Amino acid sequence: MAARGKVTISVDECKGCGLCVESCPPKCLELAEELSPYGVHPARYTGSECTGCGICFYCCPEPGAITVYRLAPPAKKTSTLVAEPVAP
């Protein structure tokens, strides 16, 4: 199944509570091993399997920490219909 979304997490806003990691259905978030400048392990996107559901965004207590992008499939090309005169 192809990814249909993407998540970005602001290291400056994330407090490392892990609520987003626990609530993510496809489990595409994790807590980073390295510490942020604030001394916490911020959440990070693993880079695959995001469905764009937004559950991580809604459960996050920090406004602006998580942004979820829903990726739209490319638009299908439609054929152009040309009206032709009807012969009598």
PDB file of N, CA and C in Angstrom:
ATOM      1  N   MET A   1       0.845  -1.177   0.000  1.00  0.00           N
ATOM      2  CA  MET A   1       0.000   0.000   0.000  1.00  0.00           C
ATOM      3  C   MET A   1       0.886   1.234   0.000  1.00  0.00           C
ATOM      4  N   ALA A   2       0.674   2.123  -0.902  1.00  0.00           N
ATOM      5  CA  ALA A   2       1.484   3.328  -1.017  1.00  0.00           C
ATOM      6  C   ALA A   2       1.095   4.336   0.052  1.00  0.00           C
ATOM      7  N   ALA A   3       2.081   5.094   0.464  1.00  0.00           N
ATOM      8  CA  ALA A   3       1.818   6.134   1.449  1.00  0.00           C
ATOM      9  C   ALA A   3       0.911   7.191   0.842  1.00  0.00           C
ATOM     10  N   ARG A   4       0.006   7.705   1.656  1.00  0.00           N
ATOM     11  CA  ARG A   4      -0.913   8.731   1.186  1.00  0.00           C
ATOM     12  C   ARG A   4      -0.787   9.999   2.009  1.00  0.00           C
ATOM     13  N   GLY A   5       0.220  10.052   2.840  1.00  0.00           N
ATOM     14  CA  GLY A   5       0.384  11.222   3.681  1.00  0.00           C
ATOM     15  C   GLY A   5       1.828  11.414   4.087  1.00  0.00           C
ATOM     16  N   LYS A   6       2.048  12.498   4.774  1.00  0.00           N
ATOM     17  CA  LYS A   6       3.376  12.818   5.275  1.00  0.00           C
ATOM     18  C   LYS A   6       3.191  13.647   6.542  1.00  0.00           C
ATOM     19  N   VAL A   7       4.100  13.489   7.488  1.00  0.00           N
ATOM     20  CA  VAL A   7       4.027  14.212   8.753  1.00  0.00           C
ATOM     21  C   VAL A   7       5.323  14.983   8.949  1.00  0.00           C
ATOM     22  N   THR A   8       5.204  16.226   9.379  1.00  0.00           N
ATOM     23  CA  THR A   8       6.375  16.979   9.817  1.00  0.00           C
ATOM     24  C   THR A   8       6.151  17.346  11.278  1.00  0.00           C
ATOM     25  N   ILE A   9       7.224  17.291  12.044  1.00  0.00           N
ATOM     26  CA  ILE A   9       7.150  17.589  13.469  1.00  0.00           C
ATOM     27  C   ILE A   9       8.174  18.654  13.794  1.00  0.00           C
ATOM     28  N   SER A  10       7.740  19.705  14.443  1.00  0.00           N
ATOM     29  CA  SER A  10       8.619  20.794  14.845  1.00  0.00           C
ATOM     30  C   SER A  10       9.345  20.398  16.128  1.00  0.00           C
ATOM     31  N   VAL A  11      10.651  20.262  16.048  1.00  0.00           N
ATOM     32  CA  VAL A  11      11.454  19.898  17.212  1.00  0.00           C
ATOM     33  C   VAL A  11      11.346  20.974  18.289  1.00  0.00           C
ATOM     34  N   ASP A  12      11.168  22.219  17.872  1.00  0.00           N
ATOM     35  CA  ASP A  12      11.049  23.318  18.830  1.00  0.00           C
ATOM     36  C   ASP A  12       9.722  23.292  19.592  1.00  0.00           C
ATOM     37  N   GLU A  13       8.710  22.673  19.036  1.00  0.00           N
ATOM     38  CA  GLU A  13       7.395  22.620  19.679  1.00  0.00           C
ATOM     39  C   GLU A  13       7.139  21.300  20.410  1.00  0.00           C
ATOM     40  N   CYS A  14       7.705  20.203  19.902  1.00  0.00           N
ATOM     41  CA  CYS A  14       7.446  18.879  20.474  1.00  0.00           C
ATOM     42  C   CYS A  14       8.072  18.768  21.863  1.00  0.00           C
ATOM     43  N   LYS A  15       7.274  18.283  22.826  1.00  0.00           N
ATOM     44  CA  LYS A  15       7.745  18.120  24.199  1.00  0.00           C
ATOM     45  C   LYS A  15       8.055  16.669  24.545  1.00  0.00           C
ATOM     46  N   GLY A  16       7.983  15.786  23.551  1.00  0.00           N
ATOM     47  CA  GLY A  16       8.368  14.395  23.754  1.00  0.00           C
ATOM     48  C   GLY A  16       7.417  13.581  24.608  1.00  0.00           C
ATOM     49  N   CYS A  17       6.152  13.944  24.651  1.00  0.00           N
ATOM     50  CA  CYS A  17       5.198  13.213  25.498  1.00  0.00           C
ATOM     51  C   CYS A  17       4.884  11.818  24.946  1.00  0.00           C
ATOM     52  N   GLY A  18       4.999  11.642  23.613  1.00  0.00           N
ATOM     53  CA  GLY A  18       4.762  10.342  22.994  1.00  0.00           C
ATOM     54  C   GLY A  18       3.314  10.025  22.694  1.00  0.00           C
ATOM     55  N   LEU A  19       2.391  10.961  22.936  1.00  0.00           N
ATOM     56  CA  LEU A  19       0.983  10.694  22.639  1.00  0.00           C
ATOM     57  C   LEU A  19       0.762  10.401  21.159  1.00  0.00           C
ATOM     58  N   CYS A  20       1.437  11.124  20.302  1.00  0.00           N
ATOM     59  CA  CYS A  20       1.285  10.896  18.863  1.00  0.00           C
ATOM     60  C   CYS A  20       1.822   9.526  18.456  1.00  0.00           C
ATOM     61  N   VAL A  21       2.925   9.135  19.059  1.00  0.00           N
ATOM     62  CA  VAL A  21       3.532   7.834  18.749  1.00  0.00           C
ATOM     63  C   VAL A  21       2.580   6.706  19.130  1.00  0.00           C
ATOM     64  N   GLU A  22       1.975   6.820  20.303  1.00  0.00           N
ATOM     65  CA  GLU A  22       1.052   5.780  20.783  1.00  0.00           C
ATOM     66  C   GLU A  22      -0.244   5.734  19.994  1.00  0.00           C
ATOM     67  N   SER A  23      -0.690   6.871  19.485  1.00  0.00           N
ATOM     68  CA  SER A  23      -1.987   6.920  18.809  1.00  0.00           C
ATOM     69  C   SER A  23      -1.924   6.663  17.311  1.00  0.00           C
ATOM     70  N   CYS A  24      -0.746   6.623  16.733  1.00  0.00           N
ATOM     71  CA  CYS A  24      -0.595   6.465  15.281  1.00  0.00           C
ATOM     72  C   CYS A  24      -0.964   5.045  14.838  1.00  0.00           C
ATOM     73  N   PRO A  25      -2.079   4.885  14.065  1.00  0.00           N
ATOM     74  CA  PRO A  25      -2.491   3.544  13.641  1.00  0.00           C
ATOM     75  C   PRO A  25      -1.445   2.783  12.808  1.00  0.00           C
ATOM     76  N   PRO A  26      -0.797   3.417  11.811  1.00  0.00           N
ATOM     77  CA  PRO A  26       0.193   2.653  11.044  1.00  0.00           C
ATOM     78  C   PRO A  26       1.563   2.600  11.702  1.00  0.00           C
ATOM     79  N   LYS A  27       1.694   3.214  12.882  1.00  0.00           N
ATOM     80  CA  LYS A  27       2.954   3.200  13.639  1.00  0.00           C
ATOM     81  C   LYS A  27       4.117   3.767  12.829  1.00  0.00           C
ATOM     82  N   CYS A  28       3.898   4.943  12.238  1.00  0.00           N
ATOM     83  CA  CYS A  28       4.948   5.567  11.437  1.00  0.00           C
ATOM     84  C   CYS A  28       5.647   6.708  12.181  1.00  0.00           C
ATOM     85  N   LEU A  29       5.380   6.837  13.483  1.00  0.00           N
ATOM     86  CA  LEU A  29       6.054   7.831  14.306  1.00  0.00           C
ATOM     87  C   LEU A  29       6.837   7.115  15.401  1.00  0.00           C
ATOM     88  N   GLU A  30       7.910   7.740  15.833  1.00  0.00           N
ATOM     89  CA  GLU A  30       8.724   7.192  16.916  1.00  0.00           C
ATOM     90  C   GLU A  30       9.364   8.345  17.668  1.00  0.00           C
ATOM     91  N   LEU A  31       9.854   8.069  18.870  1.00  0.00           N
ATOM     92  CA  LEU A  31      10.599   9.078  19.602  1.00  0.00           C
ATOM     93  C   LEU A  31      12.058   8.974  19.180  1.00  0.00           C
ATOM     94  N   ALA A  32      12.661  10.112  18.910  1.00  0.00           N
ATOM     95  CA  ALA A  32      14.055  10.144  18.460  1.00  0.00           C
ATOM     96  C   ALA A  32      14.991   9.726  19.591  1.00  0.00           C
ATOM     97  N   GLU A  33      16.092   9.123  19.237  1.00  0.00           N
ATOM     98  CA  GLU A  33      17.097   8.741  20.243  1.00  0.00           C
ATOM     99  C   GLU A  33      17.838   9.965  20.764  1.00  0.00           C
ATOM    100  N   GLU A  34      18.078  10.930  19.881  1.00  0.00           N
ATOM    101  CA  GLU A  34      18.810  12.128  20.285  1.00  0.00           C
ATOM    102  C   GLU A  34      17.878  13.115  20.988  1.00  0.00           C
ATOM    103  N   LEU A  35      18.450  13.911  21.858  1.00  0.00           N
ATOM    104  CA  LEU A  35      17.686  14.905  22.597  1.00  0.00           C
ATOM    105  C   LEU A  35      17.556  16.193  21.799  1.00  0.00           C
ATOM    106  N   SER A  36      16.439  16.878  21.991  1.00  0.00           N
ATOM    107  CA  SER A  36      16.248  18.192  21.385  1.00  0.00           C
ATOM    108  C   SER A  36      16.999  19.222  22.235  1.00  0.00           C
ATOM    109  N   PRO A  37      17.083  20.471  21.782  1.00  0.00           N
ATOM    110  CA  PRO A  37      17.728  21.503  22.607  1.00  0.00           C
ATOM    111  C   PRO A  37      17.049  21.690  23.969  1.00  0.00           C
ATOM    112  N   TYR A  38      15.817  21.193  24.092  1.00  0.00           N
ATOM    113  CA  TYR A  38      15.089  21.319  25.354  1.00  0.00           C
ATOM    114  C   TYR A  38      15.280  20.109  26.267  1.00  0.00           C
ATOM    115  N   GLY A  39      16.078  19.134  25.832  1.00  0.00           N
ATOM    116  CA  GLY A  39      16.380  17.971  26.661  1.00  0.00           C
ATOM    117  C   GLY A  39      15.334  16.878  26.643  1.00  0.00           C
ATOM    118  N   VAL A  40      14.523  16.813  25.583  1.00  0.00           N
ATOM    119  CA  VAL A  40      13.514  15.759  25.459  1.00  0.00           C
ATOM    120  C   VAL A  40      13.764  14.980  24.164  1.00  0.00           C
ATOM    121  N   HIS A  41      13.194  13.801  24.092  1.00  0.00           N
ATOM    122  CA  HIS A  41      13.249  12.994  22.869  1.00  0.00           C
ATOM    123  C   HIS A  41      12.030  13.351  22.034  1.00  0.00           C
ATOM    124  N   PRO A  42      12.189  14.181  21.007  1.00  0.00           N
ATOM    125  CA  PRO A  42      11.029  14.579  20.204  1.00  0.00           C
ATOM    126  C   PRO A  42      10.553  13.443  19.309  1.00  0.00           C
ATOM    127  N   ALA A  43       9.304  13.532  18.927  1.00  0.00           N
ATOM    128  CA  ALA A  43       8.756  12.562  17.979  1.00  0.00           C
ATOM    129  C   ALA A  43       9.344  12.840  16.606  1.00  0.00           C
ATOM    130  N   ARG A  44       9.378  11.808  15.780  1.00  0.00           N
ATOM    131  CA  ARG A  44       9.821  11.976  14.395  1.00  0.00           C
ATOM    132  C   ARG A  44       9.080  10.988  13.509  1.00  0.00           C
ATOM    133  N   TYR A  45       8.957  11.388  12.262  1.00  0.00           N
ATOM    134  CA  TYR A  45       8.297  10.568  11.237  1.00  0.00           C
ATOM    135  C   TYR A  45       9.315   9.605  10.665  1.00  0.00           C
ATOM    136  N   THR A  46       8.948   8.342  10.542  1.00  0.00           N
ATOM    137  CA  THR A  46       9.875   7.336  10.032  1.00  0.00           C
ATOM    138  C   THR A  46      10.054   7.407   8.527  1.00  0.00           C
ATOM    139  N   GLY A  47       9.174   8.139   7.846  1.00  0.00           N
ATOM    140  CA  GLY A  47       9.335   8.331   6.412  1.00  0.00           C
ATOM    141  C   GLY A  47       8.500   7.440   5.533  1.00  0.00           C
ATOM    142  N   SER A  48       7.639   6.619   6.115  1.00  0.00           N
ATOM    143  CA  SER A  48       6.786   5.775   5.279  1.00  0.00           C
ATOM    144  C   SER A  48       5.534   5.351   6.039  1.00  0.00           C
ATOM    145  N   GLU A  49       4.591   4.866   5.298  1.00  0.00           N
ATOM    146  CA  GLU A  49       3.350   4.279   5.803  1.00  0.00           C
ATOM    147  C   GLU A  49       2.318   5.247   6.364  1.00  0.00           C
ATOM    148  N   CYS A  50       2.521   6.541   6.278  1.00  0.00           N
ATOM    149  CA  CYS A  50       1.527   7.499   6.774  1.00  0.00           C
ATOM    150  C   CYS A  50       0.293   7.448   5.886  1.00  0.00           C
ATOM    151  N   THR A  51      -0.870   7.386   6.517  1.00  0.00           N
ATOM    152  CA  THR A  51      -2.123   7.364   5.767  1.00  0.00           C
ATOM    153  C   THR A  51      -2.762   8.741   5.684  1.00  0.00           C
ATOM    154  N   GLY A  52      -2.220   9.711   6.399  1.00  0.00           N
ATOM    155  CA  GLY A  52      -2.780  11.053   6.396  1.00  0.00           C
ATOM    156  C   GLY A  52      -4.028  11.177   7.251  1.00  0.00           C
ATOM    157  N   CYS A  53      -4.228  10.269   8.207  1.00  0.00           N
ATOM    158  CA  CYS A  53      -5.452  10.268   9.021  1.00  0.00           C
ATOM    159  C   CYS A  53      -5.534  11.468   9.961  1.00  0.00           C
ATOM    160  N   GLY A  54      -4.401  11.988  10.421  1.00  0.00           N
ATOM    161  CA  GLY A  54      -4.397  13.162  11.287  1.00  0.00           C
ATOM    162  C   GLY A  54      -4.598  12.886  12.763  1.00  0.00           C
ATOM    163  N   ILE A  55      -4.667  11.636  13.175  1.00  0.00           N
ATOM    164  CA  ILE A  55      -4.870  11.320  14.588  1.00  0.00           C
ATOM    165  C   ILE A  55      -3.739  11.891  15.437  1.00  0.00           C
ATOM    166  N   CYS A  56      -2.518  11.829  14.957  1.00  0.00           N
ATOM    167  CA  CYS A  56      -1.383  12.377  15.708  1.00  0.00           C
ATOM    168  C   CYS A  56      -1.557  13.878  15.933  1.00  0.00           C
ATOM    169  N   PHE A  57      -2.048  14.572  14.935  1.00  0.00           N
ATOM    170  CA  PHE A  57      -2.281  16.009  15.035  1.00  0.00           C
ATOM    171  C   PHE A  57      -3.326  16.317  16.103  1.00  0.00           C
ATOM    172  N   TYR A  58      -4.425  15.581  16.085  1.00  0.00           N
ATOM    173  CA  TYR A  58      -5.523  15.858  17.012  1.00  0.00           C
ATOM    174  C   TYR A  58      -5.201  15.482  18.455  1.00  0.00           C
ATOM    175  N   CYS A  59      -4.342  14.514  18.690  1.00  0.00           N
ATOM    176  CA  CYS A  59      -4.034  14.127  20.068  1.00  0.00           C
ATOM    177  C   CYS A  59      -2.862  14.923  20.647  1.00  0.00           C
ATOM    178  N   CYS A  60      -2.149  15.670  19.833  1.00  0.00           N
ATOM    179  CA  CYS A  60      -0.979  16.425  20.300  1.00  0.00           C
ATOM    180  C   CYS A  60      -1.409  17.631  21.131  1.00  0.00           C
ATOM    181  N   PRO A  61      -0.873  17.765  22.355  1.00  0.00           N
ATOM    182  CA  PRO A  61      -1.246  18.902  23.200  1.00  0.00           C
ATOM    183  C   PRO A  61      -0.532  20.208  22.836  1.00  0.00           C
ATOM    184  N   GLU A  62       0.417  20.153  21.923  1.00  0.00           N
ATOM    185  CA  GLU A  62       1.171  21.349  21.530  1.00  0.00           C
ATOM    186  C   GLU A  62       0.716  21.871  20.182  1.00  0.00           C
ATOM    187  N   PRO A  63       0.030  23.014  20.161  1.00  0.00           N
ATOM    188  CA  PRO A  63      -0.413  23.572  18.875  1.00  0.00           C
ATOM    189  C   PRO A  63       0.788  23.893  17.982  1.00  0.00           C
ATOM    190  N   GLY A  64       0.726  23.456  16.774  1.00  0.00           N
ATOM    191  CA  GLY A  64       1.798  23.748  15.830  1.00  0.00           C
ATOM    192  C   GLY A  64       2.956  22.772  15.832  1.00  0.00           C
ATOM    193  N   ALA A  65       2.923  21.749  16.678  1.00  0.00           N
ATOM    194  CA  ALA A  65       4.030  20.799  16.719  1.00  0.00           C
ATOM    195  C   ALA A  65       3.981  19.821  15.550  1.00  0.00           C
ATOM    196  N   ILE A  66       2.790  19.433  15.136  1.00  0.00           N
ATOM    197  CA  ILE A  66       2.633  18.418  14.094  1.00  0.00           C
ATOM    198  C   ILE A  66       1.824  18.989  12.933  1.00  0.00           C
ATOM    199  N   THR A  67       2.315  18.733  11.734  1.00  0.00           N
ATOM    200  CA  THR A  67       1.585  19.071  10.520  1.00  0.00           C
ATOM    201  C   THR A  67       1.433  17.799   9.705  1.00  0.00           C
ATOM    202  N   VAL A  68       0.215  17.507   9.299  1.00  0.00           N
ATOM    203  CA  VAL A  68      -0.060  16.313   8.489  1.00  0.00           C
ATOM    204  C   VAL A  68      -0.445  16.769   7.097  1.00  0.00           C
ATOM    205  N   TYR A  69       0.199  16.171   6.117  1.00  0.00           N
ATOM    206  CA  TYR A  69      -0.102  16.461   4.712  1.00  0.00           C
ATOM    207  C   TYR A  69      -0.778  15.247   4.115  1.00  0.00           C
ATOM    208  N   ARG A  70      -1.918  15.456   3.497  1.00  0.00           N
ATOM    209  CA  ARG A  70      -2.582  14.387   2.755  1.00  0.00           C
ATOM    210  C   ARG A  70      -2.192  14.550   1.305  1.00  0.00           C
ATOM    211  N   LEU A  71      -1.566  13.539   0.776  1.00  0.00           N
ATOM    212  CA  LEU A  71      -1.087  13.601  -0.601  1.00  0.00           C
ATOM    213  C   LEU A  71      -2.183  13.126  -1.545  1.00  0.00           C
ATOM    214  N   ALA A  72      -2.531  13.975  -2.468  1.00  0.00           N
ATOM    215  CA  ALA A  72      -3.572  13.651  -3.435  1.00  0.00           C
ATOM    216  C   ALA A  72      -2.954  12.897  -4.607  1.00  0.00           C
ATOM    217  N   PRO A  73      -3.664  11.912  -5.124  1.00  0.00           N
ATOM    218  CA  PRO A  73      -3.158  11.218  -6.307  1.00  0.00           C
ATOM    219  C   PRO A  73      -3.172  12.167  -7.496  1.00  0.00           C
ATOM    220  N   PRO A  74      -2.309  11.932  -8.456  1.00  0.00           N
ATOM    221  CA  PRO A  74      -2.305  12.802  -9.641  1.00  0.00           C
ATOM    222  C   PRO A  74      -3.661  12.776 -10.329  1.00  0.00           C
ATOM    223  N   ALA A  75      -4.045  13.915 -10.849  1.00  0.00           N
ATOM    224  CA  ALA A  75      -5.333  14.010 -11.542  1.00  0.00           C
ATOM    225  C   ALA A  75      -5.308  13.147 -12.799  1.00  0.00           C
ATOM    226  N   LYS A  76      -6.413  12.480 -13.033  1.00  0.00           N
ATOM    227  CA  LYS A  76      -6.523  11.654 -14.238  1.00  0.00           C
ATOM    228  C   LYS A  76      -6.741  12.567 -15.430  1.00  0.00           C
ATOM    229  N   LYS A  77      -6.102  12.228 -16.511  1.00  0.00           N
ATOM    230  CA  LYS A  77      -6.308  12.988 -17.737  1.00  0.00           C
ATOM    231  C   LYS A  77      -7.614  12.523 -18.362  1.00  0.00           C
ATOM    232  N   THR A  78      -8.411  13.474 -18.721  1.00  0.00           N
ATOM    233  CA  THR A  78      -9.668  13.124 -19.377  1.00  0.00           C
ATOM    234  C   THR A  78      -9.538  13.426 -20.859  1.00  0.00           C
ATOM    235  N   SER A  79     -10.180  12.616 -21.615  1.00  0.00           N
ATOM    236  CA  SER A  79     -10.127  12.853 -23.050  1.00  0.00           C
ATOM    237  C   SER A  79     -11.050  14.015 -23.400  1.00  0.00           C
ATOM    238  N   THR A  80     -10.644  14.778 -24.347  1.00  0.00           N
ATOM    239  CA  THR A  80     -11.442  15.909 -24.789  1.00  0.00           C
ATOM    240  C   THR A  80     -12.426  15.437 -25.846  1.00  0.00           C
ATOM    241  N   LEU A  81     -13.684  15.750 -25.612  1.00  0.00           N
ATOM    242  CA  LEU A  81     -14.715  15.363 -26.584  1.00  0.00           C
ATOM    243  C   LEU A  81     -14.874  16.490 -27.581  1.00  0.00           C
ATOM    244  N   VAL A  82     -14.884  16.147 -28.831  1.00  0.00           N
ATOM    245  CA  VAL A  82     -15.068  17.122 -29.890  1.00  0.00           C
ATOM    246  C   VAL A  82     -16.424  16.880 -30.525  1.00  0.00           C
ATOM    247  N   ALA A  83     -17.209  17.927 -30.557  1.00  0.00           N
ATOM    248  CA  ALA A  83     -18.528  17.798 -31.170  1.00  0.00           C
ATOM    249  C   ALA A  83     -18.378  17.771 -32.681  1.00  0.00           C
ATOM    250  N   GLU A  84     -18.964  16.770 -33.294  1.00  0.00           N
ATOM    251  CA  GLU A  84     -18.935  16.666 -34.743  1.00  0.00           C
ATOM    252  C   GLU A  84     -20.345  16.850 -35.286  1.00  0.00           C
ATOM    253  N   PRO A  85     -20.447  17.528 -36.396  1.00  0.00           N
ATOM    254  CA  PRO A  85     -21.790  17.718 -36.953  1.00  0.00           C
ATOM    255  C   PRO A  85     -22.385  16.371 -37.370  1.00  0.00           C
ATOM    256  N   VAL A  86     -23.673  16.267 -37.182  1.00  0.00           N
ATOM    257  CA  VAL A  86     -24.382  15.047 -37.566  1.00  0.00           C
ATOM    258  C   VAL A  86     -24.814  15.190 -39.019  1.00  0.00           C
ATOM    259  N   ALA A  87     -24.466  14.206 -39.827  1.00  0.00           N
ATOM    260  CA  ALA A  87     -24.846  14.235 -41.238  1.00  0.00           C
ATOM    261  C   ALA A  87     -26.340  13.941 -41.380  1.00  0.00           C
ATOM    262  N   PRO A  88     -27.059  14.706 -42.217  1.00  0.00           N
ATOM    263  CA  PRO A  88     -28.512  14.456 -42.414  1.00  0.00           C
ATOM    264  C   PRO A  88     -28.786  13.205 -43.185  1.00  0.00           C
TER     265      PRO A  88
END
